[in-house]
Amino acid sequence: MNILTTATSALGGGIWKIGASALAILSLAACAYLGHGWYMAADDRDEAIVERDAQKALADGYQTAIREQNRATEALATQKASAEQRGKAAMDLAAANGRRFDDVLARTKGAKATTCAEAMPVVNDILEAIK
């Protein structure tokens, strides 16, 4: 019964106060450690939000630039199609003028003139074909 008596006297004496104080100190240390962990997590979250917003702004800028570039490309495609049509029309006109000029040259191929008056009808035909 000696152990039982010693335990009873220890409980009554003040060991429980030391144990309670130690438990309170350990609880306080654990809370401080966990609170610091929560603080660090919140700080990391805030930094991640700021970085995400910066990346979103950068991505929005890229999207705007891409849209602008696409519009410019479409405008160039429209201008190219228009230029190709004008070029085809000019080539058709040049071909028609060339045929007309070739016809005049074929008609005047054998012409011989010794004076200006004899050459003028041929020159006039050629000039008419060039118009």
Foldseek 3Di string as FASTA:
>chain_A
DVVVVVVVCCVVPCVVVVVVVVVVVVVVVVVVVVVVVVVVVVVVVVVVVVVVVVVVVVVVVVVVVVVVVVVVVVVVVVVVVVVVVVVVVVVVVVVVLVVLLVVLCVVCVPQDDDDPVSCVVSVVSNVVSND
